[in-house]
């Protein structure tokens, strides 16, 4: 491969690839690279070369098949109250030593408001049969966190981080149709499905993508089938079945959110968690409206409770300009007012230090991790 390939996300060819590969390849596909090439209107060898080059350089931080883990493990957004002198150490533990915490962000508000004392925010997944509350109590014991607030998602309205695609997006840009809600009902899998899923979700190394791109398109997943110890046709059949069960997310290339990438770019700089409190009974309607807006990378119905002024719709938007991010929020606020959805309270929690990793969801991995913390798995059961 050429060593002179451009690494910048702003390079026209890289941008064409990333505008598709970040969040447009939904579900399970036998050859996701071919799907990216078709949607980007580029030859597949160019697509593979650019993705592999950016992955090797660190412009792309990971490539993987994502899951709708919200349906495969108990999950919640967790707000932690941690003393200032323990905040960074708690962050480090959750980032480095808790595989079940995914997004880890230190947040702040522009002024003291309900919930602003909760500075550390994480997403949490705990495998079926185990207790999220017990897990958080264990984290408090380890890190010295004073308390926590669990906010499970009742519905998902938007989920797809496409930073390159969102560059230059005009405030108010939204889909014609309402966002489709995704249920959070738990889906039970058998041992074979877990075996396939575990191989399917593992991050791709550059050499794996190079090998997969160079073989017969029908054999893209051959190495993962070997890893799962099943024939390729069975691996594909089980993967399609998992897709039909709506537990497969998207095939995605992930960029660094805030830190400069290998080319010295900041793909995004401002990470804003928006809060809205709307009347009880109008959460579904509001979520579908907010989820229409193209700027939203995440949108959920979550109950914040009195600690957060009873907010029930939460969403995340990113941008390189703070005023531009606020202009996007203002457009959403104006739309809600125009269609007659009253908002009794709204706020923005700005992200500072942040790290992101996929949350582990394997029950076997959870039991093994508990052993490293000298905790008996049985003690953490529901």
Protein backbone atom coordinates (compact mmCIF):
# COMPACT_ATOMS: atom_id res chain seq x y z
CA UNK A 1 0.00 0.00 0.00
CA UNK A 2 1.23 3.48 -0.81
CA UNK A 3 2.73 5.40 2.10
CA UNK A 4 1.58 8.70 0.61
CA UNK A 5 -2.13 8.18 1.06
CA UNK A 6 -3.81 11.26 2.57
CA UNK A 7 -4.86 10.71 6.16
CA UNK A 8 -7.10 13.76 6.61
CA UNK A 9 -10.83 13.23 6.91
CA UNK A 10 -11.17 16.38 4.81
CA UNK A 11 -9.47 14.75 1.81
CA UNK A 12 -12.26 14.48 -0.81
CA UNK A 13 -11.96 10.71 -1.29
CA UNK A 14 -11.61 9.99 2.42
CA UNK A 15 -14.61 12.22 3.11
CA UNK A 16 -16.72 10.33 0.55
CA UNK A 17 -15.80 7.04 2.20
CA UNK A 18 -16.34 8.25 5.76
CA UNK A 19 -19.65 9.97 5.02
CA UNK A 20 -20.95 6.47 4.34
CA UNK A 21 -18.81 4.24 6.53
CA UNK A 22 -19.36 6.07 9.83
CA UNK A 23 -23.06 5.30 10.18
CA UNK A 24 -24.79 4.49 6.90
CA UNK A 25 -24.17 0.73 6.62
CA UNK A 26 -27.01 -0.55 8.76
CA UNK A 27 -27.54 -4.13 9.84
CA UNK A 28 -25.63 -7.23 8.79
CA UNK A 29 -24.30 -7.53 5.24
CA UNK A 30 -22.25 -10.35 3.69
CA UNK A 31 -19.76 -7.81 2.29
CA UNK A 32 -19.93 -4.42 4.05
CA UNK A 33 -16.93 -3.01 2.16
CA UNK A 34 -18.79 -3.55 -1.13
CA UNK A 35 -21.81 -1.76 0.34
CA UNK A 36 -19.64 1.23 1.34
CA UNK A 37 -18.10 1.31 -2.15
CA UNK A 38 -21.50 1.26 -3.82
CA UNK A 39 -22.95 4.01 -1.63
CA UNK A 40 -19.82 6.17 -1.98
CA UNK A 41 -19.65 5.49 -5.75
CA UNK A 42 -16.02 4.43 -5.51
CA UNK A 43 -14.14 1.26 -6.53
CA UNK A 44 -13.95 -1.24 -3.69
CA UNK A 45 -10.15 -1.40 -3.84
CA UNK A 46 -10.00 2.36 -3.23
CA UNK A 47 -12.45 2.10 -0.33
CA UNK A 48 -10.49 -0.74 1.26
CA UNK A 49 -7.18 1.07 0.72
CA UNK A 50 -8.42 4.29 2.34
CA UNK A 51 -10.08 2.59 5.33
CA UNK A 52 -7.04 0.40 5.98
CA UNK A 53 -4.68 3.35 5.58
CA UNK A 54 -6.64 5.55 7.98
CA UNK A 55 -6.97 2.67 10.46
CA UNK A 56 -3.23 1.98 10.40
CA UNK A 57 -2.50 5.67 10.91
CA UNK A 58 -5.06 6.10 13.71
CA UNK A 59 -7.31 8.52 11.85
CA UNK A 60 -9.92 5.77 12.18
CA UNK A 61 -9.70 4.40 15.70
CA UNK A 62 -11.70 1.21 15.12
CA UNK A 63 -13.70 -0.70 12.54
CA UNK A 64 -16.34 -3.12 13.73
CA UNK A 65 -19.80 -4.53 13.36
CA UNK A 66 -21.81 -2.85 16.10
CA UNK A 67 -24.65 -4.43 18.04
CA UNK A 68 -27.88 -3.14 19.49
CA UNK A 69 -26.46 -4.03 22.88
CA UNK A 70 -29.41 -2.27 24.50
CA UNK A 71 -31.34 -5.46 23.60
CA UNK A 72 -28.59 -7.89 24.65
CA UNK A 73 -27.66 -6.65 28.11
CA UNK A 74 -29.11 -4.43 30.77
CA UNK A 75 -27.98 -0.89 30.10
CA UNK A 76 -28.24 2.64 31.38
CA UNK A 77 -26.75 6.07 31.23
CA UNK A 78 -25.11 6.62 34.61
CA UNK A 79 -24.42 9.98 36.23
CA UNK A 80 -21.84 9.83 39.02
CA UNK A 81 -21.33 12.26 41.88
CA UNK A 82 -17.59 12.23 42.58
CA UNK A 83 -15.50 14.59 44.70
CA UNK A 84 -13.31 16.85 42.54
CA UNK A 85 -10.07 15.36 43.88
CA UNK A 86 -11.20 11.86 42.89
CA UNK A 87 -12.80 12.70 39.55
CA UNK A 88 -9.91 11.93 37.21
CA UNK A 89 -8.93 8.76 39.07
CA UNK A 90 -12.52 7.50 38.80
CA UNK A 91 -12.48 8.35 35.10
CA UNK A 92 -9.23 6.41 34.65
CA UNK A 93 -10.60 3.32 36.40
CA UNK A 94 -13.78 3.25 34.29
CA UNK A 95 -11.78 3.78 31.10
CA UNK A 96 -8.95 1.36 31.80
CA UNK A 97 -10.36 -1.30 34.12
CA UNK A 98 -14.14 -1.54 33.68
CA UNK A 99 -14.93 -3.20 30.33
CA UNK A 100 -18.66 -2.74 30.91
CA UNK A 101 -18.55 1.06 30.90
CA UNK A 102 -18.50 2.47 27.37
CA UNK A 103 -18.76 6.23 26.84
CA UNK A 104 -16.95 7.95 29.71
CA UNK A 105 -17.28 11.74 29.80
CA UNK A 106 -16.63 14.49 32.32
CA UNK A 107 -19.43 17.02 31.82
CA UNK A 108 -20.23 20.50 33.05
CA UNK A 109 -23.05 22.99 32.74
CA UNK A 110 -22.92 26.71 32.05
CA UNK A 111 -24.43 27.42 35.48
CA UNK A 112 -25.43 25.54 38.62
CA UNK A 113 -28.60 23.62 37.78
CA UNK A 114 -30.29 20.44 39.00
CA UNK A 115 -27.86 17.60 38.35
CA UNK A 116 -24.83 19.79 37.68
CA UNK A 117 -23.07 18.23 40.66
CA UNK A 118 -22.97 15.00 38.64
CA UNK A 119 -19.76 15.54 36.66
CA UNK A 120 -18.88 12.01 35.52
CA UNK A 121 -21.17 10.33 32.98
CA UNK A 122 -20.89 6.82 31.57
CA UNK A 123 -22.87 4.30 29.63
CA UNK A 124 -23.12 0.91 31.30
CA UNK A 125 -23.99 -2.57 30.09
CA UNK A 126 -24.33 -5.46 32.54
CA UNK A 127 -25.01 -8.96 31.19
CA UNK A 128 -28.33 -10.69 31.77
CA UNK A 129 -28.76 -12.01 35.30
CA UNK A 130 -26.53 -9.42 36.94
CA UNK A 131 -27.52 -6.22 38.73
CA UNK A 132 -26.66 -2.76 37.38
CA UNK A 133 -27.19 -1.29 40.84
CA UNK A 134 -24.79 -3.76 42.45
CA UNK A 135 -22.25 -3.03 39.73
CA UNK A 136 -22.48 0.70 40.40
CA UNK A 137 -22.21 0.16 44.14
CA UNK A 138 -19.02 -1.82 43.50
CA UNK A 139 -17.66 1.03 41.36
CA UNK A 140 -18.44 3.47 44.17
CA UNK A 141 -16.53 1.29 46.61
CA UNK A 142 -13.52 1.07 44.28
CA UNK A 143 -13.39 4.71 43.12
CA UNK A 144 -14.82 6.58 46.09
CA UNK A 145 -17.74 7.94 44.07
CA UNK A 146 -20.37 9.32 46.46
CA UNK A 147 -23.51 8.29 44.57
CA UNK A 148 -24.92 7.52 41.14
CA UNK A 149 -28.10 7.87 39.11
CA UNK A 150 -29.10 5.05 36.74
CA UNK A 151 -31.14 6.13 33.72
CA UNK A 152 -32.09 3.16 31.52
CA UNK A 153 -33.41 3.92 28.04
CA UNK A 154 -37.10 3.24 27.49
CA UNK A 155 -36.88 3.94 23.76
CA UNK A 156 -34.13 4.81 21.28
CA UNK A 157 -34.94 7.37 18.56
CA UNK A 158 -31.54 8.13 17.01
CA UNK A 159 -28.23 6.26 17.10
CA UNK A 160 -25.54 6.93 14.53
CA UNK A 161 -22.36 8.96 14.86
CA UNK A 162 -21.48 10.40 11.44
CA UNK A 163 -19.23 13.37 12.11
CA UNK A 164 -17.99 13.81 8.54
CA UNK A 165 -21.52 13.59 7.17
CA UNK A 166 -22.67 16.27 9.63
CA UNK A 167 -20.02 18.85 8.73
CA UNK A 168 -21.59 22.08 7.60
CA UNK A 169 -25.09 20.82 8.36
CA UNK A 170 -27.58 23.66 8.62
CA UNK A 171 -29.43 24.11 11.94
CA UNK A 172 -32.95 22.76 11.58
CA UNK A 173 -32.07 20.11 9.00
CA UNK A 174 -34.39 17.19 9.66
CA UNK A 175 -35.95 14.15 8.04
CA UNK A 176 -39.40 14.38 6.48
CA UNK A 177 -40.60 11.41 8.52
CA UNK A 178 -40.68 10.98 12.28
CA UNK A 179 -37.86 8.94 13.82
CA UNK A 180 -38.72 5.28 14.28
CA UNK A 181 -38.50 4.21 17.93
CA UNK A 182 -36.38 1.18 18.76
CA UNK A 183 -37.67 -0.98 21.60
CA UNK A 184 -35.36 -1.90 24.48
CA UNK A 185 -36.91 -5.30 25.15
CA UNK A 186 -34.32 -7.93 26.09
CA UNK A 187 -33.54 -10.58 23.45
CA UNK A 188 -32.33 -13.96 24.68
CA UNK A 189 -29.70 -15.76 22.59
CA UNK A 190 -28.58 -19.37 22.61
CA UNK A 191 -24.97 -20.55 22.84
CA UNK A 192 -24.48 -20.72 19.06
CA UNK A 193 -25.82 -17.20 18.60
CA UNK A 194 -23.50 -15.87 21.30
CA UNK A 195 -20.55 -17.64 19.67
CA UNK A 196 -21.30 -16.08 16.30
CA UNK A 197 -22.05 -12.69 17.84
CA UNK A 198 -18.78 -12.65 19.78
CA UNK A 199 -16.78 -13.26 16.60
CA UNK A 200 -18.93 -10.85 14.59
CA UNK A 201 -18.43 -7.87 16.91
CA UNK A 202 -14.68 -8.05 17.37
CA UNK A 203 -12.77 -5.07 16.00
CA UNK A 204 -11.03 -5.53 12.65
CA UNK A 205 -7.26 -5.32 12.46
CA UNK A 206 -5.88 -3.72 9.27
CA UNK A 207 -4.53 -7.02 7.95
CA UNK A 208 -7.96 -8.62 8.38
CA UNK A 209 -9.60 -5.95 6.25
CA UNK A 210 -6.90 -6.26 3.62
CA UNK A 211 -7.42 -10.02 3.47
CA UNK A 212 -11.21 -9.73 3.43
CA UNK A 213 -11.15 -7.11 0.68
CA UNK A 214 -8.96 -9.32 -1.49
CA UNK A 215 -11.06 -12.46 -1.42
CA UNK A 216 -14.35 -13.50 -2.99
CA UNK A 217 -17.00 -11.04 -1.68
CA UNK A 218 -19.09 -13.95 -0.44
CA UNK A 219 -16.23 -14.91 1.89
CA UNK A 220 -15.71 -11.58 3.69
CA UNK A 221 -16.62 -13.16 7.03
CA UNK A 222 -14.69 -16.41 6.51
CA UNK A 223 -12.12 -15.77 9.25
CA UNK A 224 -14.86 -14.85 11.74
CA UNK A 225 -16.73 -18.06 10.87
CA UNK A 226 -13.51 -19.97 11.59
CA UNK A 227 -13.21 -18.11 14.89
CA UNK A 228 -16.76 -19.10 15.83
CA UNK A 229 -15.97 -22.68 14.74
CA UNK A 230 -18.90 -22.91 12.34
CA UNK A 231 -19.10 -23.25 8.52
CA UNK A 232 -19.34 -19.95 6.68
CA UNK A 233 -22.87 -20.60 5.41
CA UNK A 234 -24.03 -21.26 8.98
CA UNK A 235 -22.23 -18.13 10.24
CA UNK A 236 -24.02 -16.05 7.61
CA UNK A 237 -27.38 -17.66 8.37
CA UNK A 238 -27.05 -17.04 12.12
CA UNK A 239 -25.91 -13.46 11.49
CA UNK A 240 -28.93 -12.82 9.26
CA UNK A 241 -31.15 -14.28 11.98
CA UNK A 242 -29.58 -11.92 14.53
CA UNK A 243 -30.25 -9.06 12.11
CA UNK A 244 -33.91 -10.09 11.93
CA UNK A 245 -34.04 -10.10 15.73
CA UNK A 246 -32.87 -6.45 15.56
CA UNK A 247 -29.78 -6.98 17.68
CA UNK A 248 -27.33 -5.99 14.92
CA UNK A 249 -26.42 -2.32 14.65
CA UNK A 250 -24.22 -1.09 11.82
CA UNK A 251 -20.86 -1.84 10.23
CA UNK A 252 -18.92 1.26 11.15
CA UNK A 253 -15.62 3.11 11.05
CA UNK A 254 -15.16 5.16 14.22
CA UNK A 255 -13.25 8.42 14.32
CA UNK A 256 -11.68 10.12 17.32
CA UNK A 257 -14.35 12.37 18.84
CA UNK A 258 -12.42 15.19 20.45
CA UNK A 259 -8.69 14.47 20.50
CA UNK A 260 -6.63 15.38 17.40
CA UNK A 261 -6.34 12.48 14.97
CA UNK A 262 -3.23 11.25 13.14
CA UNK A 263 -3.50 14.10 10.65
CA UNK A 264 -3.74 16.70 13.44
CA UNK A 265 -7.45 17.35 12.81
CA UNK A 266 -10.19 17.66 15.38
CA UNK A 267 -13.17 15.93 13.81
CA UNK A 268 -15.36 17.48 16.47
CA UNK A 269 -14.71 19.60 19.54
CA UNK A 270 -18.01 20.18 21.36
CA UNK A 271 -20.01 17.28 22.73
CA UNK A 272 -23.38 18.42 24.05
CA UNK A 273 -25.87 16.31 26.01
CA UNK A 274 -29.27 17.99 25.63
CA UNK A 275 -32.00 17.56 28.25
CA UNK A 276 -35.69 18.25 27.78
CA UNK A 277 -38.56 17.75 30.24
CA UNK A 278 -41.91 17.26 28.50
CA UNK A 279 -45.31 16.27 29.89
CA UNK A 280 -45.79 12.68 30.95
CA UNK A 281 -47.41 10.77 28.12
CA UNK A 282 -45.72 12.82 25.38
CA UNK A 283 -42.28 11.23 25.62
CA UNK A 284 -42.73 9.01 22.57
CA UNK A 285 -44.05 11.87 20.44
CA UNK A 286 -41.22 14.19 21.52
CA UNK A 287 -38.52 11.59 21.00
CA UNK A 288 -39.71 10.91 17.47
CA UNK A 289 -39.65 14.63 16.72
CA UNK A 290 -36.20 15.29 18.22
CA UNK A 291 -34.83 12.15 16.57
CA UNK A 292 -35.80 13.57 13.15
CA UNK A 293 -33.08 16.20 13.37
CA UNK A 294 -30.03 15.14 11.41
CA UNK A 295 -27.59 16.66 13.90
CA UNK A 296 -28.63 14.22 16.65
CA UNK A 297 -26.20 11.33 17.06
CA UNK A 298 -28.17 9.86 19.97
CA UNK A 299 -31.71 10.44 21.21
CA UNK A 300 -33.42 8.50 23.99
CA UNK A 301 -36.37 8.51 26.30
CA UNK A 302 -34.73 8.31 29.73
CA UNK A 303 -36.16 9.33 33.09
CA UNK A 304 -33.87 11.73 34.94
CA UNK A 305 -36.02 11.99 38.05
CA UNK A 306 -36.05 14.93 40.48
CA UNK A 307 -32.23 15.07 40.54
CA UNK A 308 -32.42 16.33 36.94
CA UNK A 309 -35.66 18.31 37.07
CA UNK A 310 -37.60 15.31 35.74
CA UNK A 311 -36.06 15.42 32.26
CA UNK A 312 -37.25 12.56 30.08
CA UNK A 313 -35.80 13.20 26.61
CA UNK A 314 -32.03 13.21 26.19
CA UNK A 315 -29.87 13.51 23.11
CA UNK A 316 -26.32 14.16 22.00
CA UNK A 317 -24.99 16.44 19.28
CA UNK A 318 -21.41 17.19 18.26
CA UNK A 319 -19.78 20.09 16.47
CA UNK A 320 -16.60 22.08 16.01
CA UNK A 321 -18.23 25.39 16.95
CA UNK A 322 -20.08 25.88 20.24
CA UNK A 323 -22.43 28.56 18.90
CA UNK A 324 -23.29 26.33 15.96
CA UNK A 325 -24.16 23.48 18.33
CA UNK A 326 -26.44 25.82 20.26
CA UNK A 327 -28.03 26.99 17.01
CA UNK A 328 -28.94 23.38 16.28
CA UNK A 329 -30.53 23.07 19.73
CA UNK A 330 -32.41 26.34 19.26
CA UNK A 331 -33.88 24.97 16.01
CA UNK A 332 -35.09 21.86 17.84
CA UNK A 333 -36.54 23.95 20.68
CA UNK A 334 -38.35 26.18 18.17
CA UNK A 335 -39.77 23.14 16.37
CA UNK A 336 -41.13 21.65 19.61
CA UNK A 337 -42.76 24.97 20.48
CA UNK A 338 -44.23 25.31 16.97
CA UNK A 339 -45.91 21.89 17.08
CA UNK A 340 -47.27 22.45 20.58
CA UNK A 341 -45.01 20.28 22.74
CA UNK A 342 -44.41 22.21 25.97
CA UNK A 343 -40.93 21.98 27.51
CA UNK A 344 -40.89 22.76 31.23
CA UNK A 345 -37.12 22.53 31.55
CA UNK A 346 -34.12 22.15 29.26
CA UNK A 347 -30.38 22.17 29.77
CA UNK A 348 -27.07 21.38 28.12
CA UNK A 349 -24.33 19.28 29.72
CA UNK A 350 -21.09 19.97 27.85
CA UNK A 351 -18.53 17.22 27.44
CA UNK A 352 -14.90 17.71 28.44
CA UNK A 353 -12.49 14.84 28.91
CA UNK A 354 -13.92 11.79 27.17
CA UNK A 355 -13.06 8.28 26.05
CA UNK A 356 -15.16 5.75 24.18
CA UNK A 357 -14.92 1.99 23.94
CA UNK A 358 -17.44 -0.76 23.15
CA UNK A 359 -19.08 -2.08 26.31
CA UNK A 360 -18.49 -5.77 26.91
CA UNK A 361 -21.76 -7.72 27.19
CA UNK A 362 -20.63 -11.32 27.60
CA UNK A 363 -21.82 -13.04 30.82
CA UNK A 364 -18.61 -15.11 30.82
CA UNK A 365 -16.46 -11.99 30.56
CA UNK A 366 -18.41 -10.40 33.41
CA UNK A 367 -17.87 -13.36 35.72
CA UNK A 368 -14.15 -13.36 34.88
CA UNK A 369 -13.88 -9.61 35.56
CA UNK A 370 -15.59 -9.98 38.93
CA UNK A 371 -12.96 -12.51 39.90
CA UNK A 372 -10.24 -9.92 39.22
CA UNK A 373 -12.04 -7.62 41.67
CA UNK A 374 -12.23 -10.41 44.29
CA UNK A 375 -16.03 -10.48 44.03
CA UNK A 376 -18.01 -13.71 43.77
CA UNK A 377 -20.24 -13.61 40.65
CA UNK A 378 -23.16 -14.98 42.69
CA UNK A 379 -23.06 -11.87 44.89
CA UNK A 380 -23.74 -9.65 41.87
CA UNK A 381 -26.83 -11.46 40.64
CA UNK A 382 -30.21 -9.76 40.54
